[in-house]
Amino acid sequence: MAEQFKNLVDLCEKSCTKFKDRELFGTKVDGSWKWMTYGEFGKLVDDFRGGLASLGVGAGDKVGIVANNRVEWAVAAYATYGLGAAFVPMYEAQKADEWRFILDDCGAKIAIGATPEIYKKLKGVKDQVASLAHVVGFEEPESDDHSYAALLKKGAEKSVPATHPKDGDTAGFIYTSGTTGNPKGVILSHGNICSNINAIHAIFPFEASDRSLSFLPWAHSFGQTCELNAMLSMGCSMGINDAVENLVGNLAEVQPTILFAVPRIFNRIYDGVNKQMTEKPGFIQSLFRNAVKNRTKRNRGEDVGVWSGMGISLADSIIFSKIRQKFGGRLKYAVSGSAALSKEVAEFIDALGIEVYEGYGLTETSPIATANFPGNRKIGSVGKAIPGVTIVIDKAVTGDAKNGEILIRGPNIMQGYHNRDDENKAVLMADRTFRSGDMGYVDDDGYLYITGRIKEQYKLENGKYVVPSPLEEELKLSPFIANVMIHGANKPHNVALVVPDKAALEKWAADNGKTLGDIEQSDDVKQVIAEELKKYAKSFKGFERPEKFVLTSEDFTTDNGMLTPTLKLKRRNVLQKYEGALDALYN
């Protein structure tokens, strides 16, 4: 029978006992990886729990943290749970004003800072948050009695036994980054999160030898539940990526078997591999393309014949295996979430010999609502409802014969938004069914397909409805398009803001004897992008295709506020900066 957990304290204690001598977390120190065992981690959790208790943390309190993924993050989280307190993670990339808002909104008693700079900034906002009693620094010296080292020492000297929260007790607040306004605190209970973990054990148990390279933020529900909590619950190991630019090199060193990522990362893999293939001899390119096409057919259950099968085997030995080697050579599964993954990209990665499993959910659903899993997988779908969860399609909202709003019911549904009664009433029905705001449909076999976000949907002047995000994902498959936003609300037709891929254009210019100059004004670049938009919009309906576009050399990033920390487009922010240029396309 699959393992069942009552709360996150139960999960941590069971794993640290059962897998005591196994490797859990790996960190890169002076160029080499150092691994910590489950037993060593459990001791740190026990000691830091005592340290937090010495600062007065107890049941019902809130512990805020500003940190990227690191061992201390996980130690602080499980130590907090063991005191009956709630853990409130924030991103290092957020501004100090947003940290202050979140700490004040949740009523945090403690704030933990990852670096000396963050520690100093948190101390700077302490007087502005009435509830905030203490600020703790991970990297401060032991001589500072509010340092991680000092609190570990206090906890070791005076241990405090862990309490086991009840099913409905709050485990944490996850503040949705939001594309508009202040972030909302999603309250998740131990029962909410453990219902997800227990469901994963029932449908997709990992092996103790499985390993990931952790780079998705644990501050987000996808990374926190699906990677940190789930893998720890199964005795797996996690290497912690130190920097985004080191990701590919670290994949080769850590040799993960599972890659947890969002579509943006898989799109980059798709784009990168295809670019590399264009530099290979014609025979290799042909072998590669045919093998991808035929393995995709085979994966769909179609017969490809003997010769095609031999071509797949040859391509696997001389091409695909080398690609997989760049990811460490052991990668079995690619798990995608947070947004819809292009079917073309999913089939492509699957054809490389890495099984793709896509799921669906929101922070408000802890986050998993549906998932593909071994023996139950349809590429292009986001899978079936996980055990205990029910999916209903409300077509009355859309007035469409097939697509409707996705309604979710189950033990994974959040307790509510903190201090947002009106918004709770808008999304939580009388029986606690959650209105997702997403559009989709369920096929005859029970697989869910996402077709867009209701709030993103807009109407053109001709009355046609457009859902932009799936269209944008298709356009980003072009090697020359790094990012794109489609615009057209209440306009006669769609237009696009395009961020060209500078590296791809520079290579194209060199190959064609061109000089790029100013990318935004270059007629050559405009011609290339026009052709790419036409090519990658072939599957669009006529009214969906952008008729004109404007270029910008500034990419959409979290730093400039164009993307959320989970890499979703902040349309309001993009429009605020570029609306004039987009509207000018209609003149």
Protein backbone atom coordinates (compact mmCIF):
# COMPACT_ATOMS: atom_id res chain seq x y z
CA MET A 1 0.00 0.00 0.00
CA ALA A 2 1.23 3.50 -0.84
CA GLU A 3 2.66 5.56 2.02
CA GLN A 4 0.23 8.00 3.61
CA PHE A 5 1.24 11.11 5.57
CA LYS A 6 -0.90 12.96 8.11
CA ASN A 7 1.10 16.20 8.06
CA LEU A 8 4.46 17.55 6.95
CA VAL A 9 6.06 16.88 10.33
CA ASP A 10 5.03 13.24 10.02
CA LEU A 11 6.54 13.20 6.50
CA CYS A 12 9.88 14.65 7.59
CA GLU A 13 10.24 12.42 10.64
CA LYS A 14 9.39 9.23 8.76
CA SER A 15 11.80 9.98 5.92
CA CYS A 16 14.71 11.07 8.13
CA THR A 17 14.35 7.83 10.10
CA LYS A 18 13.64 5.44 7.23
CA PHE A 19 16.29 6.87 4.88
CA LYS A 20 18.74 8.03 7.54
CA ASP A 21 21.95 7.13 5.68
CA ARG A 22 20.83 8.11 2.17
CA GLU A 23 21.91 11.28 0.40
CA LEU A 24 19.32 14.03 0.45
CA PHE A 25 20.71 17.45 -0.51
CA GLY A 26 23.73 18.20 -2.65
CA THR A 27 25.38 21.63 -2.77
CA LYS A 28 28.30 22.79 -4.87
CA VAL A 29 31.25 23.90 -2.73
CA ASP A 30 34.51 25.05 -4.33
CA GLY A 31 33.63 23.33 -7.60
CA SER A 32 32.62 19.95 -6.17
CA TRP A 33 29.34 18.53 -4.87
CA LYS A 34 28.92 17.80 -1.14
CA TRP A 35 25.98 15.65 -0.07
CA MET A 36 24.03 15.71 3.18
CA THR A 37 22.21 12.63 4.46
CA TYR A 38 18.62 12.43 5.65
CA GLY A 39 19.88 11.82 9.17
CA GLU A 40 22.05 14.95 9.10
CA PHE A 41 19.14 16.99 7.78
CA GLY A 42 16.82 15.67 10.50
CA LYS A 43 19.29 16.79 13.17
CA LEU A 44 19.42 20.30 11.69
CA VAL A 45 15.60 20.47 11.67
CA ASP A 46 15.48 19.42 15.32
CA ASP A 47 18.12 21.98 16.33
CA PHE A 48 16.63 24.88 14.38
CA ARG A 49 13.18 24.08 15.77
CA GLY A 50 14.64 24.62 19.21
CA GLY A 51 16.32 27.81 18.03
CA LEU A 52 13.05 29.24 16.69
CA ALA A 53 11.30 28.23 19.91
CA SER A 54 13.90 30.27 21.84
CA LEU A 55 12.63 33.33 19.92
CA GLY A 56 9.10 32.58 21.05
CA VAL A 57 7.78 30.91 17.88
CA GLY A 58 4.79 28.72 18.62
CA ALA A 59 1.47 27.45 17.29
CA GLY A 60 -0.27 29.88 14.98
CA ASP A 61 2.75 32.12 14.43
CA LYS A 62 4.06 33.01 10.97
CA VAL A 63 7.69 32.65 9.90
CA GLY A 64 8.57 34.57 6.75
CA ILE A 65 11.65 33.80 4.66
CA VAL A 66 13.36 35.55 1.74
CA ALA A 67 15.68 33.01 0.13
CA ASN A 68 16.35 31.01 -2.99
CA ASN A 69 16.51 27.21 -2.72
CA ARG A 70 19.12 26.09 -0.20
CA VAL A 71 19.44 23.50 2.57
CA GLU A 72 18.68 26.13 5.22
CA TRP A 73 15.37 26.92 3.46
CA ALA A 74 14.20 23.34 3.91
CA VAL A 75 15.53 23.21 7.49
CA ALA A 76 13.60 26.38 8.38
CA ALA A 77 10.41 25.10 6.74
CA TYR A 78 10.26 21.77 8.58
CA ALA A 79 11.39 23.34 11.85
CA THR A 80 8.53 25.83 11.54
CA TYR A 81 5.98 23.08 10.87
CA GLY A 82 7.18 21.24 13.98
CA LEU A 83 6.24 24.22 16.15
CA GLY A 84 2.72 24.42 14.72
CA ALA A 85 3.66 27.66 12.98
CA ALA A 86 3.10 28.62 9.33
CA PHE A 87 5.91 29.10 6.80
CA VAL A 88 5.68 32.09 4.45
CA PRO A 89 8.26 32.00 1.62
CA MET A 90 9.21 34.97 -0.55
CA TYR A 91 11.55 35.42 -3.50
CA GLU A 92 14.94 37.08 -3.41
CA ALA A 93 14.00 38.74 -6.71
CA GLN A 94 11.10 40.60 -5.12
CA LYS A 95 11.49 44.20 -3.99
CA ALA A 96 11.75 45.12 -0.31
CA ASP A 97 8.34 46.85 -0.46
CA GLU A 98 6.75 43.57 -1.51
CA TRP A 99 8.49 41.70 1.33
CA ARG A 100 7.19 44.33 3.73
CA PHE A 101 3.65 43.98 2.38
CA ILE A 102 3.69 40.19 2.70
CA LEU A 103 5.21 40.19 6.20
CA ASP A 104 2.64 42.74 7.33
CA ASP A 105 -0.30 41.07 5.57
CA CYS A 106 0.35 37.62 7.10
CA GLY A 107 1.37 39.02 10.51
CA ALA A 108 4.82 37.45 10.52
CA LYS A 109 6.59 37.13 13.86
CA ILE A 110 9.95 36.14 12.35
CA ALA A 111 11.61 37.11 9.07
CA ILE A 112 14.60 35.14 7.76
CA GLY A 113 17.03 36.58 5.22
CA ALA A 114 19.26 34.47 2.97
CA THR A 115 22.16 36.90 2.54
CA PRO A 116 23.70 39.73 4.58
CA GLU A 117 22.17 42.22 2.14
CA ILE A 118 18.66 40.76 2.51
CA TYR A 119 19.13 40.47 6.30
CA LYS A 120 19.96 44.17 6.42
CA LYS A 121 16.95 45.11 4.26
CA LEU A 122 14.60 43.04 6.41
CA LYS A 123 15.91 44.75 9.52
CA GLY A 124 15.20 48.00 7.72
CA VAL A 125 11.48 47.19 7.31
CA LYS A 126 11.08 45.70 10.82
CA ASP A 127 9.72 48.93 12.29
CA GLN A 128 7.09 49.06 9.53
CA VAL A 129 5.64 45.63 10.41
CA ALA A 130 3.92 45.69 13.79
CA SER A 131 3.93 41.90 14.24
CA LEU A 132 7.62 41.41 13.37
CA ALA A 133 9.60 40.59 16.52
CA HIS A 134 12.84 39.17 15.11
CA VAL A 135 14.93 39.10 11.92
CA VAL A 136 17.22 36.10 11.38
CA GLY A 137 20.16 35.85 8.96
CA PHE A 138 21.35 32.60 7.39
CA GLU A 139 24.88 33.86 6.72
CA GLU A 140 25.47 36.01 9.80
CA PRO A 141 28.29 34.94 12.18
CA GLU A 142 27.51 32.82 15.23
CA SER A 143 28.34 35.85 17.39
CA ASP A 144 25.05 37.39 16.15
CA ASP A 145 22.40 35.78 18.37
CA HIS A 146 19.92 36.10 15.49
CA SER A 147 22.06 34.09 13.09
CA TYR A 148 21.21 30.62 11.79
CA ALA A 149 24.39 29.27 13.42
CA ALA A 150 23.53 30.75 16.82
CA LEU A 151 19.96 29.43 16.71
CA LEU A 152 21.18 25.93 15.76
CA LYS A 153 23.47 26.02 18.79
CA LYS A 154 20.66 27.14 21.10
CA GLY A 155 18.39 24.42 19.79
CA ALA A 156 21.06 21.75 20.25
CA GLU A 157 21.53 22.85 23.86
CA LYS A 158 17.81 22.90 24.61
CA SER A 159 15.78 20.58 22.39
CA VAL A 160 12.09 21.11 21.77
CA PRO A 161 9.96 18.13 20.69
CA ALA A 162 7.98 18.47 17.49
CA THR A 163 4.24 18.91 17.63
CA HIS A 164 2.10 17.18 15.00
CA PRO A 165 -0.37 19.59 13.38
CA LYS A 166 -3.93 18.57 12.60
CA ASP A 167 -5.23 18.13 9.08
CA GLY A 168 -6.78 21.61 8.94
CA ASP A 169 -3.88 23.46 10.59
CA THR A 170 -2.11 25.97 8.38
CA ALA A 171 1.21 24.77 6.94
CA GLY A 172 1.97 27.95 5.07
CA PHE A 173 0.97 30.94 3.04
CA ILE A 174 2.08 31.05 -0.58
CA TYR A 175 1.70 34.51 -2.01
CA THR A 176 0.76 34.42 -5.65
CA SER A 177 2.98 36.84 -7.52
CA GLY A 178 -0.05 38.13 -9.36
CA THR A 179 -0.15 39.87 -12.70
CA THR A 180 -2.09 42.78 -11.17
CA GLY A 181 -2.16 44.46 -7.75
CA ASN A 182 -0.71 43.21 -4.49
CA PRO A 183 0.00 39.49 -4.07
CA LYS A 184 -2.63 37.31 -2.42
CA GLY A 185 -1.77 34.95 0.42
CA VAL A 186 -3.03 31.45 -0.39
CA ILE A 187 -3.53 29.54 2.86
CA LEU A 188 -2.61 25.87 2.54
CA SER A 189 -3.15 23.39 5.36
CA HIS A 190 -1.11 20.30 6.16
CA GLY A 191 -4.06 18.26 4.88
CA ASN A 192 -4.09 20.18 1.59
CA ILE A 193 -0.42 19.56 0.84
CA CYS A 194 -0.32 16.00 2.16
CA SER A 195 -3.32 15.07 0.01
CA ASN A 196 -1.13 15.93 -2.98
CA ILE A 197 1.87 14.00 -1.62
CA ASN A 198 -0.28 10.95 -0.85
CA ALA A 199 -1.75 11.07 -4.37
CA ILE A 200 1.73 11.15 -5.91
CA HIS A 201 2.66 8.06 -3.88
CA ALA A 202 -0.44 6.31 -5.25
CA ILE A 203 0.13 7.07 -8.95
CA PHE A 204 3.78 7.99 -9.50
CA PRO A 205 6.13 6.65 -6.82
CA PHE A 206 9.78 7.50 -7.45
CA GLU A 207 12.64 5.18 -6.58
CA ALA A 208 15.11 6.01 -3.83
CA SER A 209 17.81 6.21 -6.51
CA ASP A 210 15.95 9.04 -8.25
CA ARG A 211 17.53 12.47 -8.16
CA SER A 212 16.64 15.96 -9.34
CA LEU A 213 18.58 19.16 -9.88
CA SER A 214 16.51 21.68 -8.00
CA PHE A 215 16.14 25.07 -9.66
CA LEU A 216 12.37 25.69 -9.59
CA PRO A 217 11.73 27.92 -6.57
CA TRP A 218 10.45 26.13 -3.47
CA ALA A 219 8.72 29.43 -2.70
CA HIS A 220 6.26 28.38 -5.43
CA SER A 221 3.79 25.56 -4.84
CA PHE A 222 5.00 23.47 -7.81
CA GLY A 223 8.62 23.30 -6.66
CA GLN A 224 7.66 23.03 -3.00
CA THR A 225 5.12 20.21 -3.23
CA CYS A 226 6.12 18.26 -6.31
CA GLU A 227 9.88 18.38 -5.80
CA LEU A 228 10.89 19.21 -2.22
CA ASN A 229 8.11 17.48 -0.27
CA ALA A 230 7.44 14.65 -2.71
CA MET A 231 11.05 13.64 -3.27
CA LEU A 232 11.92 13.92 0.42
CA SER A 233 8.93 11.68 1.19
CA MET A 234 10.33 8.93 -1.09
CA GLY A 235 13.98 8.90 -0.04
CA CYS A 236 15.21 10.61 -3.22
CA SER A 237 18.03 13.15 -3.51
CA MET A 238 18.15 16.73 -4.77
CA GLY A 239 21.14 18.68 -6.02
CA ILE A 240 20.53 22.40 -5.46
CA ASN A 241 21.40 24.50 -8.50
CA ASP A 242 23.60 27.45 -7.54
CA ALA A 243 22.95 29.77 -10.49
CA VAL A 244 20.80 29.76 -13.64
CA GLU A 245 23.83 30.17 -15.90
CA ASN A 246 25.34 26.98 -14.39
CA LEU A 247 22.25 24.86 -15.00
CA VAL A 248 23.45 22.84 -18.01
CA GLY A 249 26.87 22.17 -16.47
CA ASN A 250 25.30 21.17 -13.16
CA LEU A 251 22.89 18.79 -14.91
CA ALA A 252 25.89 16.92 -16.32
CA GLU A 253 27.51 16.73 -12.87
CA VAL A 254 24.47 15.90 -10.72
CA GLN A 255 23.11 13.38 -13.27
CA PRO A 256 19.43 13.72 -12.35
CA THR A 257 16.83 11.14 -13.27
CA ILE A 258 13.94 13.64 -12.99
CA LEU A 259 13.76 17.19 -14.30
CA PHE A 260 11.07 19.42 -12.79
CA ALA A 261 10.60 22.49 -14.94
CA VAL A 262 8.15 24.96 -16.45
CA PRO A 263 7.41 25.12 -20.22
CA ARG A 264 9.84 28.01 -20.72
CA ILE A 265 12.74 25.68 -19.80
CA PHE A 266 11.54 22.87 -22.06
CA ASN A 267 11.07 25.38 -24.89
CA ARG A 268 14.72 26.37 -24.48
CA ILE A 269 15.79 22.72 -24.68
CA TYR A 270 13.73 22.30 -27.84
CA ASP A 271 15.17 25.47 -29.34
CA GLY A 272 18.76 24.70 -28.30
CA VAL A 273 18.79 21.16 -29.71
CA ASN A 274 17.23 22.26 -32.99
CA LYS A 275 19.79 25.05 -33.35
CA GLN A 276 22.64 22.59 -32.77
CA MET A 277 21.25 20.27 -35.43
CA THR A 278 21.35 23.03 -38.07
CA GLU A 279 25.15 23.01 -37.72
CA LYS A 280 25.46 19.27 -38.37
CA PRO A 281 26.05 17.56 -41.74
CA GLY A 282 23.01 16.97 -43.91
CA PHE A 283 22.97 13.21 -43.23
CA ILE A 284 22.84 13.78 -39.45
CA GLN A 285 20.12 16.41 -39.81
CA SER A 286 18.02 14.07 -41.94
CA LEU A 287 18.57 11.13 -39.58
CA PHE A 288 17.63 13.32 -36.61
CA ARG A 289 14.42 14.71 -38.15
CA ASN A 290 13.22 11.32 -39.35
CA ALA A 291 14.00 9.64 -36.04
CA VAL A 292 12.10 12.33 -34.08
CA LYS A 293 9.13 11.97 -36.44
CA ASN A 294 9.12 8.16 -36.32
CA ARG A 295 9.72 7.83 -32.59
CA THR A 296 6.84 10.24 -32.02
CA LYS A 297 4.66 7.98 -34.14
CA ARG A 298 5.84 4.93 -32.23
CA ASN A 299 5.16 6.67 -28.91
CA ARG A 300 1.61 7.28 -30.11
CA GLY A 301 1.24 3.56 -30.67
CA GLU A 302 1.62 3.65 -34.47
CA ASP A 303 3.65 1.07 -36.41
CA VAL A 304 6.72 2.63 -38.05
CA GLY A 305 8.14 -0.40 -39.84
CA VAL A 306 11.52 -2.14 -39.68
CA TRP A 307 13.62 0.43 -41.56
CA SER A 308 12.28 3.36 -39.58
CA GLY A 309 12.86 1.39 -36.39
CA MET A 310 16.48 0.88 -37.40
CA GLY A 311 16.76 4.60 -38.08
CA ILE A 312 15.47 5.35 -34.59
CA SER A 313 18.04 2.98 -33.06
CA LEU A 314 20.87 4.52 -35.06
CA ALA A 315 19.80 8.07 -34.17
CA ASP A 316 19.49 7.10 -30.52
CA SER A 317 23.04 5.73 -30.40
CA ILE A 318 24.80 8.55 -32.24
CA ILE A 319 22.58 11.61 -31.60
CA PHE A 320 19.93 11.25 -28.88
CA SER A 321 22.28 9.58 -26.38
CA LYS A 322 24.73 12.48 -26.71
CA ILE A 323 21.95 14.98 -26.10
CA ARG A 324 20.85 13.06 -23.00
CA GLN A 325 24.49 12.96 -21.86
CA LYS A 326 24.45 16.76 -21.65
CA PHE A 327 21.72 16.36 -19.05
CA GLY A 328 23.81 13.84 -17.11
CA GLY A 329 22.92 10.69 -19.06
CA ARG A 330 20.41 9.33 -16.51
CA LEU A 331 17.38 11.54 -17.18
CA LYS A 332 14.23 9.40 -17.34
CA TYR A 333 11.40 11.81 -16.65
CA ALA A 334 10.64 15.43 -17.52
CA VAL A 335 7.85 16.77 -15.30
CA SER A 336 6.21 19.96 -16.52
CA GLY A 337 3.76 22.20 -14.73
CA SER A 338 2.76 25.80 -13.96
CA ALA A 339 1.59 26.47 -17.55
CA ALA A 340 0.56 24.51 -20.63
CA LEU A 341 3.40 22.83 -22.51
CA SER A 342 3.29 22.86 -26.31
CA LYS A 343 2.40 19.42 -27.67
CA GLU A 344 5.16 19.77 -30.27
CA VAL A 345 7.77 20.44 -27.58
CA ALA A 346 6.48 17.59 -25.40
CA GLU A 347 6.60 15.09 -28.27
CA PHE A 348 10.07 16.32 -29.23
CA ILE A 349 11.54 15.77 -25.74
CA ASP A 350 9.74 12.45 -25.50
CA ALA A 351 11.33 11.43 -28.79
CA LEU A 352 14.76 12.13 -27.33
CA GLY A 353 14.14 9.26 -24.92
CA ILE A 354 13.02 11.35 -21.93
CA GLU A 355 9.43 10.58 -20.88
CA VAL A 356 7.35 13.75 -20.52
CA TYR A 357 4.70 13.95 -17.80
CA GLU A 358 2.59 17.07 -17.71
CA GLY A 359 0.23 18.01 -14.90
CA TYR A 360 -2.10 20.86 -14.04
CA GLY A 361 -3.02 22.82 -11.00
CA LEU A 362 -2.74 26.14 -9.23
CA THR A 363 -1.29 27.38 -5.97
CA GLU A 364 -4.90 27.26 -4.72
CA THR A 365 -4.98 23.48 -5.37
CA SER A 366 -1.76 22.70 -3.48
CA PRO A 367 -0.97 22.60 -6.53
CA ILE A 368 -1.78 19.32 -8.35
CA ALA A 369 -5.30 18.76 -9.68
CA THR A 370 -4.56 16.51 -12.66
CA ALA A 371 -1.52 14.62 -13.90
CA ASN A 372 -0.25 12.22 -16.49
CA PHE A 373 1.44 9.23 -14.90
CA PRO A 374 2.91 5.87 -15.96
CA GLY A 375 0.30 3.80 -17.77
CA ASN A 376 -1.99 6.81 -18.02
CA ARG A 377 -0.46 9.37 -20.35
CA LYS A 378 -1.61 11.43 -23.32
CA ILE A 379 0.83 14.00 -24.61
CA GLY A 380 -0.96 17.27 -25.21
CA SER A 381 -3.21 16.73 -22.22
CA VAL A 382 -2.51 17.61 -18.60
CA GLY A 383 -3.68 14.21 -17.47
CA LYS A 384 -6.47 12.81 -15.35
CA ALA A 385 -7.75 14.02 -11.99
CA ILE A 386 -5.48 12.74 -9.21
CA PRO A 387 -6.97 10.45 -6.52
CA GLY A 388 -9.55 12.26 -4.41
CA VAL A 389 -10.01 15.12 -6.89
CA THR A 390 -12.93 15.75 -9.24
CA ILE A 391 -12.85 17.95 -12.36
CA VAL A 392 -16.03 19.54 -13.74
CA ILE A 393 -16.24 21.72 -16.88
CA ASP A 394 -18.65 24.65 -16.52
CA LYS A 395 -19.65 25.52 -20.08
CA ALA A 396 -22.21 28.10 -18.91
CA VAL A 397 -19.36 30.52 -18.21
CA THR A 398 -18.00 30.41 -21.75
CA GLY A 399 -21.14 29.62 -23.74
CA ASP A 400 -19.01 27.18 -25.73
CA ALA A 401 -20.17 23.69 -26.68
CA LYS A 402 -16.83 22.12 -25.77
CA ASN A 403 -14.71 24.43 -23.62
CA GLY A 404 -15.69 25.68 -20.20
CA GLU A 405 -14.24 26.90 -16.94
CA ILE A 406 -12.35 24.19 -15.07
CA LEU A 407 -13.88 23.57 -11.63
CA ILE A 408 -11.87 21.56 -9.09
CA ARG A 409 -13.16 19.75 -6.01
CA GLY A 410 -11.10 17.80 -3.46
CA PRO A 411 -8.97 17.78 -0.29
CA ASN A 412 -6.32 19.85 -2.10
CA ILE A 413 -8.44 23.02 -2.25
CA MET A 414 -6.90 25.89 -0.27
CA GLN A 415 -8.36 27.15 3.00
CA GLY A 416 -8.81 30.50 1.29
CA TYR A 417 -7.07 33.77 0.49
CA HIS A 418 -5.83 35.56 3.61
CA ASN A 419 -7.95 38.63 4.40
CA ARG A 420 -9.67 38.51 0.98
CA ASP A 421 -13.30 37.61 1.76
CA ASP A 422 -14.73 38.99 -1.48
CA GLU A 423 -12.19 37.11 -3.59
CA ASN A 424 -12.84 33.91 -1.62
CA LYS A 425 -16.55 34.23 -2.43
CA ALA A 426 -15.70 34.69 -6.11
CA VAL A 427 -13.69 31.46 -6.42
CA LEU A 428 -14.94 29.12 -3.67
CA MET A 429 -18.42 27.73 -4.22
CA ALA A 430 -20.75 26.67 -1.39
CA ASP A 431 -19.40 23.08 -1.46
CA ARG A 432 -15.78 24.43 -1.63
CA THR A 433 -15.42 23.63 -5.31
CA PHE A 434 -12.77 25.97 -6.71
CA ARG A 435 -13.33 28.07 -9.82
CA SER A 436 -9.95 27.99 -11.56
CA GLY A 437 -10.47 30.75 -14.11
CA ASP A 438 -8.88 28.41 -16.67
CA MET A 439 -10.61 27.12 -19.78
CA GLY A 440 -10.48 23.56 -20.98
CA TYR A 441 -12.28 20.34 -21.77
CA VAL A 442 -12.17 16.69 -20.70
CA ASP A 443 -12.04 13.99 -23.38
CA ASP A 444 -13.91 10.70 -23.35
CA ASP A 445 -11.03 8.99 -21.52
CA GLY A 446 -10.98 11.54 -18.68
CA TYR A 447 -7.93 13.53 -19.81
CA LEU A 448 -8.04 17.29 -19.29
CA TYR A 449 -6.90 19.75 -21.95
CA ILE A 450 -6.17 23.41 -21.18
CA THR A 451 -7.22 25.91 -23.83
CA GLY A 452 -6.50 29.23 -22.12
CA ARG A 453 -7.12 31.58 -19.24
CA ILE A 454 -10.57 33.17 -19.08
CA LYS A 455 -9.21 36.51 -17.80
CA GLU A 456 -6.68 36.65 -20.65
CA GLN A 457 -9.37 36.07 -23.25
CA TYR A 458 -10.36 39.18 -25.16
CA LYS A 459 -12.68 40.08 -28.02
CA LEU A 460 -11.68 41.63 -31.33
CA GLU A 461 -13.86 44.28 -32.96
CA ASN A 462 -15.40 41.57 -35.15
CA GLY A 463 -16.66 39.73 -32.06
CA LYS A 464 -14.14 36.88 -32.30
CA TYR A 465 -12.59 35.72 -29.02
CA VAL A 466 -8.82 35.33 -28.69
CA VAL A 467 -6.90 33.46 -25.97
CA PRO A 468 -3.33 34.73 -26.42
CA SER A 469 -1.08 32.55 -24.25
CA PRO A 470 -1.30 29.27 -26.27
CA LEU A 471 -0.67 31.28 -29.45
CA GLU A 472 2.38 32.95 -27.90
CA GLU A 473 3.80 29.57 -26.88
CA GLU A 474 3.55 28.40 -30.49
CA LEU A 475 5.31 31.50 -31.82
CA LYS A 476 8.12 31.10 -29.28
CA LEU A 477 9.03 27.79 -30.91
CA SER A 478 10.70 29.88 -33.61
CA PRO A 479 14.47 29.95 -33.06
CA PHE A 480 14.39 33.66 -33.91
CA ILE A 481 11.75 34.64 -31.32
CA ALA A 482 12.89 34.80 -27.69
CA ASN A 483 9.61 36.20 -26.41
CA VAL A 484 6.33 37.55 -27.71
CA MET A 485 3.08 39.09 -26.54
CA ILE A 486 -0.07 39.15 -28.69
CA HIS A 487 -2.37 42.16 -28.33
CA GLY A 488 -5.74 43.01 -29.84
CA ALA A 489 -8.49 43.65 -27.27
CA ASN A 490 -11.29 45.66 -28.95
CA LYS A 491 -9.10 46.11 -32.03
CA PRO A 492 -9.77 45.10 -35.64
CA HIS A 493 -7.04 42.44 -35.61
CA ASN A 494 -4.15 41.08 -33.56
CA VAL A 495 -0.67 42.59 -33.44
CA ALA A 496 2.44 41.37 -31.64
CA LEU A 497 5.33 42.67 -29.56
CA VAL A 498 8.33 40.50 -30.42
CA VAL A 499 11.65 40.09 -28.61
CA PRO A 500 14.02 38.67 -31.26
CA ASP A 501 16.63 36.08 -30.29
CA LYS A 502 19.82 38.10 -30.75
CA ALA A 503 22.22 35.11 -30.87
CA ALA A 504 20.17 33.37 -33.58
CA LEU A 505 19.96 36.57 -35.61
CA GLU A 506 23.70 37.20 -35.33
CA LYS A 507 24.40 33.72 -36.69
CA TRP A 508 21.86 34.25 -39.48
CA ALA A 509 23.51 37.58 -40.34
CA ALA A 510 26.98 36.02 -40.43
CA ASP A 511 25.78 33.15 -42.62
CA ASN A 512 24.09 35.57 -45.03
CA GLY A 513 26.74 38.30 -45.16
CA LYS A 514 24.51 40.81 -43.39
CA THR A 515 25.21 43.44 -40.74
CA LEU A 516 22.49 43.58 -38.10
CA GLY A 517 22.93 47.05 -36.64
CA ASP A 518 19.97 48.17 -34.52
CA ILE A 519 17.80 45.06 -34.15
CA GLU A 520 14.66 47.08 -33.48
CA GLN A 521 15.00 49.09 -36.70
CA SER A 522 16.70 46.59 -39.04
CA ASP A 523 14.68 45.83 -42.18
CA ASP A 524 16.48 42.48 -42.46
CA VAL A 525 15.40 41.52 -38.93
CA LYS A 526 11.85 42.64 -39.61
CA GLN A 527 11.75 40.45 -42.71
CA VAL A 528 13.05 37.41 -40.80
CA ILE A 529 10.54 37.91 -37.97
CA ALA A 530 7.68 38.44 -40.42
CA GLU A 531 8.49 35.12 -42.09
CA GLU A 532 8.77 33.37 -38.73
CA LEU A 533 5.42 34.72 -37.53
CA LYS A 534 3.81 33.52 -40.72
CA LYS A 535 5.46 30.10 -40.47
CA TYR A 536 4.65 29.42 -36.80
CA ALA A 537 1.13 30.84 -36.98
CA LYS A 538 0.05 28.39 -39.70
CA SER A 539 -2.11 26.44 -37.27
CA PHE A 540 -3.85 29.60 -36.00
CA LYS A 541 -7.34 30.59 -37.09
CA GLY A 542 -7.26 33.49 -39.53
CA PHE A 543 -8.39 36.09 -36.99
CA GLU A 544 -5.80 34.89 -34.44
CA ARG A 545 -2.76 35.66 -36.61
CA PRO A 546 -0.94 38.91 -35.79
CA GLU A 547 -1.06 41.13 -38.88
CA LYS A 548 1.64 43.55 -37.76
CA PHE A 549 4.37 43.57 -35.11
CA VAL A 550 6.84 45.80 -33.33
CA LEU A 551 10.29 44.73 -32.12
CA THR A 552 12.02 45.32 -28.79
CA SER A 553 15.54 44.27 -27.84
CA GLU A 554 14.65 44.17 -24.13
CA ASP A 555 13.62 40.67 -23.09
CA PHE A 556 10.80 39.99 -20.64
CA THR A 557 12.42 39.15 -17.28
CA THR A 558 11.62 39.08 -13.58
CA ASP A 559 14.11 41.90 -13.04
CA ASN A 560 12.25 44.34 -15.27
CA GLY A 561 8.86 43.24 -13.95
CA MET A 562 7.63 41.72 -17.22
CA LEU A 563 7.58 38.16 -15.82
CA THR A 564 6.38 36.77 -12.51
CA PRO A 565 8.89 34.73 -10.45
CA THR A 566 7.35 31.62 -12.05
CA LEU A 567 8.07 33.10 -15.52
CA LYS A 568 4.50 33.98 -16.48
CA LEU A 569 3.91 37.10 -18.53
CA LYS A 570 2.78 40.19 -16.61
CA ARG A 571 0.62 41.57 -19.39
CA ARG A 572 -0.35 44.69 -17.51
CA ASN A 573 3.30 45.68 -17.04
CA VAL A 574 4.21 44.93 -20.65
CA LEU A 575 1.25 46.92 -21.92
CA GLN A 576 2.06 49.82 -19.62
CA LYS A 577 5.42 50.17 -21.35
CA TYR A 578 4.57 49.22 -24.93
CA GLU A 579 0.88 50.03 -25.43
CA GLY A 580 1.70 53.20 -27.39
CA ALA A 581 3.95 51.32 -29.82
CA LEU A 582 1.37 48.54 -30.24
CA ASP A 583 -1.53 50.93 -30.78
CA ALA A 584 0.54 52.78 -33.39
CA LEU A 585 0.45 49.60 -35.50
CA TYR A 586 -3.27 50.23 -36.10
CA ASN A 587 -2.70 53.65 -37.68
